[in-house]
Amino acid sequence: MDAIRSCALCMLVVAAMGAPAKEFEIEIQEATQRSALVRFKTTVYASKYYVNVVEKYLADVSADYYTTLEPSDVHSDGYFYFDTGNTLKPGKLYEVLVIPSTGFSGSADLYTDCDDYSHSCVNSGIRLCLSSSQLCDGTTDCVDESDEMKSENGSCLATLPQRPTPSPPSTPPINTPCMISSSAAVKSGMPRRFVPECGPDGHYLAVKCEYLASYTCHCINPLTNGILHSQKNYSPFVHFNFSKDCAADRERLLNNILMYA
């Protein structure tokens, strides 16, 4: 853990997309199970700096945290600061992406702490979050062998509290417009690509994307499947306000329906 802490506090100088070295200095100042305090310095001038914190090595996932910073946000020490709040997941490897509006980008790795039901250790510089089934199983996963240490009577020294049993997933209501439309489409034998897709709440999914002259995504009305607004040349790393605004618009529509129901 100390090794990870010291590594997390060291300064990471990263360059990407052809940018010369040292154009970005990204420092993970503090990381907990669900949040991180980060600062960065850059020699790349831009009118806006788009910040995304996304799970590394996972394709087509939205950022768990995003924000936009401007030159006026820089502190007297020359750094930009941001705090993710409780938006992250425990025991994950994240990539912090800083994307200036000029095009170059910088990135750095961020590890969140393991949750209270996992054994935390390090192997080859990588943080591991081991489950109870991986403790004293005859395979040494941790460089300090803490996962395989036993007492004189043979019991495992590394113990964990029992993880709560997750609640079963809720069943979507069957009487929403989306569920009714989807069921009718399936019964009629409509090709799968034309069957309306419903979310866990039974409403139409929030975003639909299509290839036109450019990659265009639409924010969908949760009750009618109509288009609320669209974004051309959509990229989740640049247009994260699109998803944020879409969620707010959909919530307002649903709240209005409930208010007058």
Protein backbone atom coordinates (compact mmCIF):
# COMPACT_ATOMS: atom_id res chain seq x y z
CA MET A 1 0.00 0.00 0.00
CA ASP A 2 2.85 2.41 0.87
CA ALA A 3 4.42 1.71 -2.49
CA ILE A 4 1.18 2.61 -4.24
CA ARG A 5 0.71 5.72 -2.12
CA SER A 6 4.22 6.97 -2.88
CA CYS A 7 3.75 6.21 -6.57
CA ALA A 8 0.38 7.97 -6.59
CA LEU A 9 1.94 11.08 -5.11
CA CYS A 10 4.84 11.22 -7.53
CA MET A 11 4.50 13.50 -10.54
CA LEU A 12 3.60 11.80 -13.79
CA VAL A 13 4.86 13.58 -16.88
CA VAL A 14 2.99 12.26 -19.86
CA ALA A 15 2.67 13.19 -23.50
CA ALA A 16 0.25 11.73 -26.03
CA MET A 17 -0.98 12.13 -29.60
CA GLY A 18 2.41 13.38 -30.76
CA ALA A 19 2.74 16.22 -28.24
CA PRO A 20 6.35 16.94 -27.18
CA ALA A 21 7.39 15.61 -23.77
CA LYS A 22 6.68 17.62 -20.63
CA GLU A 23 3.71 19.46 -22.13
CA PHE A 24 1.59 17.82 -19.43
CA GLU A 25 2.36 17.24 -15.77
CA ILE A 26 -0.44 15.34 -14.06
CA GLU A 27 -0.24 14.58 -10.34
CA ILE A 28 -2.58 12.31 -8.39
CA GLN A 29 -2.45 14.03 -5.01
CA GLU A 30 -4.85 11.78 -3.15
CA ALA A 31 -7.03 8.78 -3.98
CA THR A 32 -9.59 6.96 -1.85
CA GLN A 33 -12.14 4.25 -2.66
CA ARG A 34 -14.45 6.58 -4.55
CA SER A 35 -12.71 9.90 -5.06
CA ALA A 36 -9.46 11.52 -6.11
CA LEU A 37 -7.81 14.94 -5.91
CA VAL A 38 -5.79 15.69 -9.05
CA ARG A 39 -3.81 18.61 -10.34
CA PHE A 40 -2.12 19.23 -13.68
CA LYS A 41 0.10 21.76 -15.37
CA THR A 42 0.44 22.22 -19.11
CA THR A 43 2.33 24.39 -21.59
CA VAL A 44 -0.42 23.85 -24.16
CA TYR A 45 -2.61 26.94 -24.24
CA ALA A 46 -6.30 26.38 -24.97
CA SER A 47 -9.58 28.13 -24.32
CA LYS A 48 -10.92 24.98 -22.63
CA TYR A 49 -9.48 21.86 -21.03
CA TYR A 50 -11.76 18.81 -21.05
CA VAL A 51 -11.06 16.42 -18.16
CA ASN A 52 -12.28 12.82 -18.19
CA VAL A 53 -11.65 10.05 -15.65
CA VAL A 54 -12.53 6.73 -17.28
CA GLU A 55 -11.83 3.07 -16.48
CA LYS A 56 -8.68 2.10 -18.36
CA TYR A 57 -8.69 -0.59 -21.05
CA LEU A 58 -12.50 -0.59 -21.30
CA ALA A 59 -13.85 0.40 -24.71
CA ASP A 60 -17.05 2.38 -25.25
CA VAL A 61 -17.61 3.32 -21.61
CA SER A 62 -18.61 6.76 -20.45
CA ALA A 63 -16.39 8.67 -18.05
CA ASP A 64 -17.16 8.27 -14.35
CA TYR A 65 -16.10 11.89 -13.86
CA TYR A 66 -15.80 14.82 -16.24
CA THR A 67 -15.40 18.55 -16.02
CA THR A 68 -14.32 21.54 -18.12
CA LEU A 69 -11.65 23.97 -16.99
CA GLU A 70 -10.64 27.31 -18.46
CA PRO A 71 -7.42 29.39 -18.24
CA SER A 72 -9.02 31.49 -15.49
CA ASP A 73 -9.22 28.34 -13.31
CA VAL A 74 -5.44 28.02 -12.97
CA HIS A 75 -4.11 28.57 -9.43
CA SER A 76 -1.24 30.82 -8.37
CA ASP A 77 1.12 27.81 -8.40
CA GLY A 78 0.43 27.28 -12.11
CA TYR A 79 -1.68 24.15 -11.62
CA PHE A 80 -5.29 23.31 -12.43
CA TYR A 81 -7.03 21.36 -9.64
CA PHE A 82 -10.10 19.14 -9.66
CA ASP A 83 -11.76 16.80 -7.17
CA THR A 84 -13.82 13.92 -8.55
CA GLY A 85 -16.08 13.72 -5.48
CA ASN A 86 -17.64 10.30 -4.82
CA THR A 87 -18.01 9.41 -8.49
CA LEU A 88 -15.45 6.60 -8.85
CA LYS A 89 -15.57 2.86 -8.15
CA PRO A 90 -13.35 1.11 -5.56
CA GLY A 91 -10.41 -1.02 -6.65
CA LYS A 92 -10.26 0.23 -10.24
CA LEU A 93 -7.53 1.41 -12.56
CA TYR A 94 -8.61 4.70 -14.15
CA GLU A 95 -7.07 6.87 -16.81
CA VAL A 96 -7.10 10.61 -16.24
CA LEU A 97 -7.40 12.35 -19.62
CA VAL A 98 -6.81 16.06 -20.09
CA ILE A 99 -7.87 17.17 -23.57
CA PRO A 100 -7.26 20.81 -24.51
CA SER A 101 -9.54 22.22 -27.18
CA THR A 102 -6.43 22.61 -29.37
CA GLY A 103 -6.20 18.82 -29.79
CA PHE A 104 -3.15 17.53 -27.89
CA SER A 105 -3.86 15.45 -24.79
CA GLY A 106 -2.14 14.15 -21.68
CA SER A 107 -2.98 11.20 -19.47
CA ALA A 108 -2.03 9.52 -16.21
CA ASP A 109 -3.04 6.37 -14.35
CA LEU A 110 -5.14 6.52 -11.20
CA TYR A 111 -5.79 3.63 -8.80
CA THR A 112 -8.69 3.85 -6.37
CA ASP A 113 -8.45 2.05 -3.02
CA CYS A 114 -9.93 -1.42 -2.64
CA ASP A 115 -13.30 -1.64 -0.90
CA ASP A 116 -13.67 -2.85 2.68
CA TYR A 117 -14.40 -6.42 1.55
CA SER A 118 -11.13 -6.93 -0.38
CA HIS A 119 -7.52 -7.55 0.63
CA SER A 120 -5.26 -4.85 -0.81
CA CYS A 121 -1.67 -5.54 -1.83
CA VAL A 122 0.84 -4.94 -4.60
CA ASN A 123 2.42 -7.16 -7.23
CA SER A 124 4.81 -5.87 -9.92
CA GLY A 125 3.79 -2.30 -9.09
CA ILE A 126 0.10 -3.06 -9.70
CA ARG A 127 -2.49 -2.79 -6.95
CA LEU A 128 -4.53 -5.93 -6.39
CA CYS A 129 -7.90 -6.23 -4.66
CA LEU A 130 -8.28 -9.86 -3.65
CA SER A 131 -11.53 -11.53 -2.64
CA SER A 132 -11.81 -13.92 0.31
CA SER A 133 -11.59 -16.91 -2.06
CA GLN A 134 -8.11 -15.76 -3.12
CA LEU A 135 -6.72 -15.76 0.42
CA CYS A 136 -4.72 -18.81 1.54
CA ASP A 137 -5.64 -20.64 -1.66
CA GLY A 138 -2.11 -21.91 -2.28
CA THR A 139 -1.29 -19.23 -4.87
CA THR A 140 0.82 -16.25 -3.82
CA ASP A 141 -0.65 -13.14 -5.43
CA CYS A 142 0.99 -10.42 -3.28
CA VAL A 143 4.68 -9.58 -3.41
CA ASP A 144 4.74 -9.50 0.41
CA GLU A 145 2.92 -12.87 0.54
CA SER A 146 0.35 -11.33 2.89
CA ASP A 147 -2.44 -13.24 1.12
CA GLU A 148 -0.93 -16.63 2.05
CA MET A 149 0.28 -16.06 5.63
CA LYS A 150 -1.11 -18.46 8.23
CA SER A 151 -1.07 -18.68 12.00
CA GLU A 152 0.50 -21.54 13.95
CA ASN A 153 -2.82 -23.39 13.96
CA GLY A 154 -3.07 -23.08 10.17
CA SER A 155 -5.77 -20.41 9.95
CA CYS A 156 -5.42 -17.61 7.44
CA LEU A 157 -4.09 -14.36 8.95
CA ALA A 158 -5.71 -12.21 6.27
CA THR A 159 -9.41 -12.08 7.04
CA LEU A 160 -12.21 -10.07 5.45
CA PRO A 161 -15.73 -9.14 6.52
CA GLN A 162 -18.48 -10.92 4.62
CA ARG A 163 -19.60 -9.04 1.55
CA PRO A 164 -23.32 -8.17 1.64
CA THR A 165 -25.51 -10.15 -0.74
CA PRO A 166 -26.54 -7.84 -3.60
CA SER A 167 -30.21 -7.19 -4.08
CA PRO A 168 -31.74 -8.94 -7.09
CA PRO A 169 -32.18 -6.66 -10.11
CA SER A 170 -35.57 -5.01 -10.28
CA THR A 171 -37.94 -6.06 -13.05
CA PRO A 172 -38.83 -3.20 -15.43
CA PRO A 173 -42.51 -2.21 -15.36
CA ILE A 174 -44.41 -3.77 -18.26
CA ASN A 175 -46.87 -0.93 -18.87
CA THR A 176 -44.48 1.82 -20.01
CA PRO A 177 -44.74 3.03 -23.64
CA CYS A 178 -41.34 1.53 -24.44
CA MET A 179 -42.10 -1.91 -22.96
CA ILE A 180 -45.50 -2.04 -24.70
CA SER A 181 -43.96 -0.97 -28.03
CA SER A 182 -41.04 -3.38 -27.67
CA SER A 183 -43.30 -6.34 -26.82
CA ALA A 184 -45.57 -5.60 -29.80
CA ALA A 185 -42.56 -5.36 -32.14
CA VAL A 186 -41.20 -8.73 -30.98
CA LYS A 187 -44.60 -10.45 -31.38
CA SER A 188 -44.95 -9.06 -34.91
CA GLY A 189 -41.62 -10.59 -35.94
CA MET A 190 -39.96 -7.24 -36.53
CA PRO A 191 -36.17 -7.50 -37.18
CA ARG A 192 -34.21 -7.10 -33.97
CA ARG A 193 -32.50 -3.87 -35.04
CA PHE A 194 -35.92 -2.16 -35.26
CA VAL A 195 -37.20 -3.32 -31.86
CA PRO A 196 -37.26 -0.39 -29.38
CA GLU A 197 -34.69 -0.72 -26.58
CA CYS A 198 -35.84 -0.05 -23.02
CA GLY A 199 -33.73 0.72 -19.95
CA PRO A 200 -34.01 -0.83 -16.46
CA ASP A 201 -36.73 1.69 -15.61
CA GLY A 202 -38.81 0.59 -18.62
CA HIS A 203 -38.29 3.87 -20.52
CA TYR A 204 -36.64 4.34 -23.91
CA LEU A 205 -32.84 4.36 -23.72
CA ALA A 206 -31.28 7.80 -23.33
CA VAL A 207 -28.96 7.95 -26.34
CA LYS A 208 -29.08 6.57 -29.87
CA CYS A 209 -26.24 7.00 -32.34
CA GLU A 210 -26.06 6.60 -36.09
CA TYR A 211 -23.62 7.05 -38.94
CA LEU A 212 -24.75 9.83 -41.26
CA ALA A 213 -22.39 12.32 -42.85
CA SER A 214 -20.84 12.29 -39.38
CA TYR A 215 -21.23 10.18 -36.26
CA THR A 216 -24.41 11.67 -34.78
CA CYS A 217 -25.97 10.88 -31.41
CA HIS A 218 -29.48 11.77 -30.29
CA CYS A 219 -30.93 12.36 -26.84
CA ILE A 220 -34.16 10.37 -26.71
CA ASN A 221 -37.45 11.31 -25.04
CA PRO A 222 -37.94 8.55 -22.40
CA LEU A 223 -41.70 8.37 -23.04
CA THR A 224 -42.16 8.88 -26.80
CA ASN A 225 -38.81 7.78 -28.34
CA GLY A 226 -38.66 11.16 -30.05
CA ILE A 227 -35.42 13.14 -30.39
CA LEU A 228 -34.89 15.88 -27.81
CA HIS A 229 -31.58 17.14 -29.23
CA SER A 230 -28.61 15.84 -31.23
CA GLN A 231 -24.83 16.09 -31.32
CA LYS A 232 -22.84 15.67 -34.55
CA ASN A 233 -19.27 14.33 -34.54
CA TYR A 234 -20.03 12.86 -31.14
CA SER A 235 -17.14 11.89 -28.87
CA PRO A 236 -17.74 10.98 -25.20
CA PHE A 237 -14.38 12.52 -24.28
CA VAL A 238 -15.24 15.96 -25.69
CA HIS A 239 -19.03 16.19 -25.69
CA PHE A 240 -19.69 14.93 -22.18
CA ASN A 241 -22.07 17.87 -21.61
CA PHE A 242 -24.34 16.22 -24.19
CA SER A 243 -24.94 13.21 -21.94
CA LYS A 244 -25.24 15.43 -18.86
CA ASP A 245 -27.79 17.74 -20.51
CA CYS A 246 -29.66 14.74 -21.92
CA ALA A 247 -30.05 13.19 -18.47
CA ALA A 248 -31.31 16.51 -17.07
CA ASP A 249 -33.84 16.95 -19.90
CA ARG A 250 -35.17 13.41 -19.48
CA GLU A 251 -35.49 13.84 -15.71
CA ARG A 252 -37.48 17.06 -16.17
CA LEU A 253 -39.89 15.30 -18.54
CA LEU A 254 -40.42 12.38 -16.15
CA ASN A 255 -40.89 14.71 -13.16
CA ASN A 256 -43.51 16.69 -15.06
CA ILE A 257 -45.42 13.50 -15.87
CA LEU A 258 -45.37 12.44 -12.21
CA MET A 259 -46.39 15.91 -11.06
CA TYR A 260 -49.55 15.94 -13.17
CA ALA A 261 -50.36 12.22 -12.98
